N, C-alpha and C. Protein backbone atom coordinates (compact mmCIF):
# COMPACT_ATOMS: atom_id res chain seq x y z
N UNK A 1 0.82 -1.18 0.12
CA UNK A 1 0.10 -0.06 -0.03
C UNK A 1 0.84 1.24 -0.06
N UNK A 2 0.83 2.08 -0.97
CA UNK A 2 1.56 3.23 -1.14
C UNK A 2 1.23 4.35 -0.14
N UNK A 3 2.18 4.87 0.51
CA UNK A 3 1.74 5.95 1.28
C UNK A 3 1.61 7.31 0.74
N UNK A 4 0.68 8.21 1.22
CA UNK A 4 0.44 9.47 0.53
C UNK A 4 1.26 10.46 1.20
N UNK A 5 1.87 11.21 0.16
CA UNK A 5 2.71 12.22 0.58
C UNK A 5 1.98 13.72 0.96
N UNK A 6 2.31 14.22 2.00
CA UNK A 6 1.67 15.52 2.29
C UNK A 6 2.38 16.53 1.50
N UNK A 7 1.56 17.29 0.96
CA UNK A 7 2.21 18.43 -0.05
C UNK A 7 1.74 19.93 0.82
N UNK A 8 2.73 20.55 0.71
CA UNK A 8 2.85 21.84 1.47
C UNK A 8 2.71 22.83 0.42
N UNK A 9 1.83 23.89 0.46
CA UNK A 9 2.04 24.80 -0.42
C UNK A 9 2.95 25.90 0.08
N UNK A 10 3.94 26.20 -0.91
CA UNK A 10 5.13 27.12 -0.60
C UNK A 10 4.81 28.57 -1.13
N UNK A 11 4.78 29.45 -0.27
CA UNK A 11 4.66 30.70 -0.63
C UNK A 11 5.89 31.27 -1.52
N UNK A 12 5.53 31.90 -2.60
CA UNK A 12 6.79 32.37 -3.29
C UNK A 12 7.44 33.44 -2.65
N UNK A 13 8.76 33.54 -2.51
CA UNK A 13 9.41 34.54 -1.92
C UNK A 13 9.36 35.87 -2.57
N UNK A 14 9.15 36.88 -1.68
CA UNK A 14 9.01 38.13 -2.22
C UNK A 14 10.45 38.66 -2.51
N UNK A 15 10.59 39.45 -3.60
CA UNK A 15 11.76 40.03 -3.92
C UNK A 15 12.31 40.99 -2.97
N UNK A 16 13.57 41.00 -2.67
CA UNK A 16 13.99 42.08 -1.73
C UNK A 16 14.25 43.40 -2.38
N UNK A 17 13.93 43.61 -3.67
CA UNK A 17 14.11 44.80 -4.38
C UNK A 17 12.86 45.20 -5.00
N UNK A 18 12.52 46.42 -5.20
CA UNK A 18 11.25 46.98 -5.96
C UNK A 18 11.49 46.82 -7.51
N UNK A 19 10.57 47.13 -8.30
CA UNK A 19 10.75 47.06 -9.76
C UNK A 19 11.69 48.13 -10.01
N UNK A 20 11.95 49.16 -9.31
CA UNK A 20 12.77 50.29 -9.56
C UNK A 20 14.37 49.93 -9.29
N UNK A 21 14.40 48.69 -8.50
CA UNK A 21 15.72 48.31 -8.14
C UNK A 21 16.10 48.73 -6.67
N UNK A 22 15.29 49.47 -6.16
CA UNK A 22 15.34 49.90 -4.69
C UNK A 22 15.17 48.89 -3.76
N UNK A 23 16.04 48.74 -2.64
CA UNK A 23 15.81 47.61 -1.71
C UNK A 23 14.70 47.97 -0.81
N UNK A 24 13.83 46.85 -0.57
CA UNK A 24 12.75 46.96 0.32
C UNK A 24 13.17 46.87 1.70
N UNK A 25 12.34 47.66 2.62
CA UNK A 25 12.61 47.67 4.11
C UNK A 25 12.59 46.26 4.63
N UNK A 26 13.56 45.92 5.31
CA UNK A 26 13.42 44.40 5.90
C UNK A 26 12.68 44.48 7.11
N UNK A 27 11.58 43.64 7.12
CA UNK A 27 10.67 43.62 8.29
C UNK A 27 10.88 42.30 9.26
N UNK A 28 10.27 42.22 10.26
CA UNK A 28 10.50 41.20 11.17
C UNK A 28 10.19 39.72 10.69
N UNK A 29 9.36 39.67 9.55
CA UNK A 29 9.19 38.34 8.88
C UNK A 29 10.42 37.87 8.15
N UNK A 30 11.15 39.01 7.51
CA UNK A 30 12.38 38.57 6.95
C UNK A 30 13.39 38.05 7.81
N UNK A 31 13.56 38.60 9.07
CA UNK A 31 14.58 38.20 9.87
C UNK A 31 14.32 36.90 10.60
N UNK A 32 12.92 36.60 10.74
CA UNK A 32 12.56 35.33 11.40
C UNK A 32 12.78 34.15 10.53
N UNK A 33 12.87 34.24 9.00
CA UNK A 33 13.06 33.18 8.11
C UNK A 33 14.49 33.38 7.52
N UNK A 34 15.27 34.33 7.86
CA UNK A 34 16.52 34.46 7.11
C UNK A 34 17.57 33.38 7.85
N UNK A 35 18.37 32.92 6.97
CA UNK A 35 19.33 31.98 7.38
C UNK A 35 20.89 32.69 7.08
N UNK A 36 21.71 32.41 8.05
CA UNK A 36 23.14 32.95 7.85
C UNK A 36 24.05 32.33 6.89
N UNK A 37 24.65 33.16 6.06
CA UNK A 37 25.64 32.50 5.10
C UNK A 37 25.09 32.57 3.88
N UNK A 38 25.89 31.82 2.94
CA UNK A 38 25.45 31.86 1.41
C UNK A 38 24.76 30.52 1.30
N UNK A 39 23.88 30.32 0.34
CA UNK A 39 23.42 29.01 -0.11
C UNK A 39 24.56 28.22 -0.66
N UNK A 40 24.56 26.76 -0.40
CA UNK A 40 25.53 25.90 -0.91
C UNK A 40 25.53 25.99 -2.31
N UNK A 41 26.75 25.78 -3.14
CA UNK A 41 26.86 25.58 -4.54
C UNK A 41 26.34 24.33 -4.82
N UNK A 42 25.66 24.30 -6.18
CA UNK A 42 25.21 22.81 -6.57
C UNK A 42 26.65 22.13 -6.91
N UNK A 43 26.44 20.88 -6.61
CA UNK A 43 27.63 19.84 -6.90
C UNK A 43 28.56 20.25 -7.95
N UNK A 44 27.98 20.65 -9.19
CA UNK A 44 28.73 20.74 -10.30
C UNK A 44 29.63 21.93 -10.28
N UNK A 45 29.42 22.89 -9.45
CA UNK A 45 30.24 23.96 -9.31
C UNK A 45 31.12 24.05 -8.14
N UNK A 46 31.06 23.09 -7.28
CA UNK A 46 31.86 22.84 -6.02
C UNK A 46 33.22 22.37 -6.39
N UNK A 47 34.34 22.85 -5.75
CA UNK A 47 35.73 22.53 -5.97
C UNK A 47 35.77 21.25 -5.15
N UNK A 48 36.94 20.49 -5.61
CA UNK A 48 37.33 19.35 -4.86
C UNK A 48 38.72 19.62 -4.09
N UNK A 49 38.76 19.28 -2.73
CA UNK A 49 39.95 19.35 -2.05
C UNK A 49 40.87 18.27 -2.36
N UNK A 50 42.13 18.47 -2.80
CA UNK A 50 43.03 17.63 -3.34
C UNK A 50 44.56 17.88 -2.57
N UNK A 51 45.33 17.14 -2.49
CA UNK A 51 46.88 17.30 -1.93
C UNK A 51 47.78 17.01 -3.06
N UNK A 52 48.52 17.94 -3.65
CA UNK A 52 49.53 17.44 -4.58
C UNK A 52 50.89 18.12 -4.26
N UNK A 53 51.79 17.57 -4.88
CA UNK A 53 53.34 17.97 -4.54
C UNK A 53 53.61 18.89 -5.69
N UNK A 54 54.17 20.29 -5.39
CA UNK A 54 54.48 21.08 -6.48
C UNK A 54 56.01 21.55 -6.34
N UNK A 55 56.58 21.80 -7.33
CA UNK A 55 58.05 22.48 -7.11
C UNK A 55 57.86 23.79 -6.72
N UNK A 56 59.02 24.12 -5.70
CA UNK A 56 58.89 25.31 -4.92
C UNK A 56 58.82 26.52 -5.74
N UNK A 57 59.41 26.42 -6.99
CA UNK A 57 59.68 27.62 -7.89
C UNK A 57 58.05 27.82 -8.55
N UNK A 58 57.29 26.75 -8.76
CA UNK A 58 55.90 27.00 -9.05
C UNK A 58 55.00 27.58 -7.92
N UNK A 59 55.14 27.38 -6.91
CA UNK A 59 54.43 27.87 -5.77
C UNK A 59 54.72 29.36 -5.76
N UNK A 60 56.12 29.57 -5.65
CA UNK A 60 56.58 31.02 -5.69
C UNK A 60 56.15 31.83 -6.64
N UNK A 61 56.06 31.29 -7.97
CA UNK A 61 55.51 32.04 -9.03
C UNK A 61 53.89 32.32 -8.78
N UNK A 62 53.33 31.37 -8.22
CA UNK A 62 51.71 31.61 -7.90
C UNK A 62 51.68 32.74 -6.88
N UNK A 63 52.56 32.71 -5.95
CA UNK A 63 52.43 33.83 -4.73
C UNK A 63 53.12 35.04 -5.23
N UNK A 64 53.63 35.09 -6.31
CA UNK A 64 54.36 36.33 -6.58
C UNK A 64 53.51 37.67 -6.80
N UNK A 65 52.24 37.61 -7.07
CA UNK A 65 51.38 38.61 -7.13
C UNK A 65 50.65 38.86 -5.80
N UNK A 66 51.05 38.19 -4.71
CA UNK A 66 50.57 38.31 -3.49
C UNK A 66 50.11 37.11 -2.77
N UNK A 67 50.41 36.83 -1.58
CA UNK A 67 50.01 35.48 -1.07
C UNK A 67 48.58 35.11 -1.05
N UNK A 68 47.85 36.05 -0.92
CA UNK A 68 46.45 35.87 -0.79
C UNK A 68 45.86 35.68 -2.26
N UNK A 69 44.99 34.54 -2.40
CA UNK A 69 44.52 34.18 -3.72
C UNK A 69 45.51 33.32 -4.65
N UNK A 70 46.62 32.81 -4.09
CA UNK A 70 47.44 32.16 -4.98
C UNK A 70 46.96 30.88 -5.60
N UNK A 71 46.23 30.16 -4.60
CA UNK A 71 45.57 28.94 -5.26
C UNK A 71 44.57 29.10 -6.26
N UNK A 72 43.71 30.27 -6.26
CA UNK A 72 42.78 30.57 -7.09
C UNK A 72 43.55 30.76 -8.47
N UNK A 73 44.74 31.63 -8.44
CA UNK A 73 45.48 31.93 -9.67
C UNK A 73 45.98 30.70 -10.03
N UNK A 74 46.61 29.88 -9.34
CA UNK A 74 47.06 28.43 -9.79
C UNK A 74 46.01 27.65 -10.50
N UNK A 75 44.90 27.71 -9.97
CA UNK A 75 43.60 26.92 -10.39
C UNK A 75 43.40 27.51 -11.87
N UNK A 76 43.51 28.78 -12.06
CA UNK A 76 43.13 29.44 -13.30
C UNK A 76 44.14 29.26 -14.38
N UNK A 77 45.50 29.04 -13.98
CA UNK A 77 46.37 28.79 -14.78
C UNK A 77 46.24 27.26 -15.25
N UNK A 78 45.95 26.40 -14.35
CA UNK A 78 45.75 24.88 -14.72
C UNK A 78 44.65 24.91 -15.79
N UNK A 79 43.40 25.64 -15.63
CA UNK A 79 42.44 25.64 -16.49
C UNK A 79 42.76 26.12 -18.03
N UNK A 80 43.63 27.24 -17.82
CA UNK A 80 44.02 27.73 -19.28
C UNK A 80 44.91 26.66 -19.78
N UNK A 81 45.86 25.87 -19.08
CA UNK A 81 46.75 24.86 -19.66
C UNK A 81 45.87 23.72 -20.10
N UNK A 82 44.94 23.30 -19.49
CA UNK A 82 43.94 22.18 -20.08
C UNK A 82 42.91 22.79 -20.99
N UNK A 83 43.09 24.02 -21.33
CA UNK A 83 41.96 24.66 -22.19
C UNK A 83 40.50 24.30 -21.56
N UNK A 84 40.29 24.58 -20.35
CA UNK A 84 39.08 24.37 -19.73
C UNK A 84 38.48 25.83 -19.19
N UNK A 85 39.06 26.90 -19.85
CA UNK A 85 38.58 28.27 -19.26
C UNK A 85 37.31 28.48 -19.35
N UNK A 86 36.42 27.92 -20.26
CA UNK A 86 35.05 28.38 -20.36
C UNK A 86 34.06 27.27 -19.76
N UNK A 87 34.58 26.18 -19.43
CA UNK A 87 33.77 25.10 -18.94
C UNK A 87 33.06 25.57 -17.76
N UNK A 88 33.61 26.11 -16.74
CA UNK A 88 32.95 26.54 -15.47
C UNK A 88 32.11 27.61 -15.81
N UNK A 89 31.97 28.53 -16.60
CA UNK A 89 31.18 29.51 -16.96
C UNK A 89 29.92 28.94 -17.52
N UNK A 90 30.27 27.83 -18.40
CA UNK A 90 29.01 27.13 -19.12
C UNK A 90 28.31 26.42 -18.05
N UNK A 91 28.90 25.63 -16.98
CA UNK A 91 28.24 25.04 -15.95
C UNK A 91 27.33 25.98 -15.21
N UNK A 92 27.93 27.10 -14.92
CA UNK A 92 27.21 28.09 -13.95
C UNK A 92 26.00 28.79 -14.70
N UNK A 93 26.10 28.79 -15.97
CA UNK A 93 25.06 29.34 -16.85
C UNK A 93 23.87 28.11 -16.73
N UNK A 94 24.26 26.82 -17.11
CA UNK A 94 23.41 25.82 -16.98
C UNK A 94 22.63 25.77 -15.73
N UNK A 95 23.30 25.78 -14.73
CA UNK A 95 22.64 25.85 -13.25
C UNK A 95 21.79 26.94 -13.16
N UNK A 96 22.19 28.28 -13.28
CA UNK A 96 21.49 29.29 -13.28
C UNK A 96 20.05 29.21 -14.13
N UNK A 97 20.30 28.79 -15.35
CA UNK A 97 19.14 28.59 -16.09
C UNK A 97 18.03 27.57 -15.54
N UNK A 98 18.51 26.41 -14.94
CA UNK A 98 17.71 25.49 -14.39
C UNK A 98 16.94 26.21 -13.16
N UNK A 99 17.70 26.90 -12.45
CA UNK A 99 17.03 27.50 -11.44
C UNK A 99 15.90 28.50 -11.75
N UNK A 100 15.84 29.23 -12.90
CA UNK A 100 14.88 30.05 -13.39
C UNK A 100 13.94 29.39 -13.75
N UNK A 101 14.27 28.20 -14.44
CA UNK A 101 12.91 27.30 -14.85
C UNK A 101 12.14 26.82 -13.69
N UNK A 102 12.83 26.47 -12.71
CA UNK A 102 12.11 26.01 -11.48
C UNK A 102 11.27 27.07 -10.81
N UNK A 103 11.88 28.27 -10.94
CA UNK A 103 11.12 29.49 -10.33
C UNK A 103 9.81 29.75 -11.13
N UNK A 104 9.96 29.62 -12.53
CA UNK A 104 8.82 29.91 -13.27
C UNK A 104 7.87 28.76 -13.12
N UNK A 105 8.13 27.52 -12.91
CA UNK A 105 7.08 26.42 -12.77
C UNK A 105 6.35 26.68 -11.45
N UNK A 106 7.04 27.23 -10.36
CA UNK A 106 6.39 27.45 -9.19
C UNK A 106 5.38 28.55 -9.18
N UNK A 107 5.65 29.53 -10.13
CA UNK A 107 4.74 30.63 -10.16
C UNK A 107 3.42 30.38 -10.80
């Protein structure tokens, strides 16, 4: 015998900006439902933690522009080297497009 699923009606979220692009006043309802932090990225956009051994001169070159962000610069160099520079943008566009389609279906 199949179980019946309870379906909840979800209210569409009210935009935080007006049609003119002005920010709405944040009321008590907003703060009662707000969650801290950013939403998680979809799995297709998340990065994977790895441990690799690199030559000291490679790390020095990556840190030459500044110690902060050197891993991001090294990742960008690897993407260029493997000719993957546009893949991440394409995946991000696909994820954004799917989110837009889901929002339209809810409305």
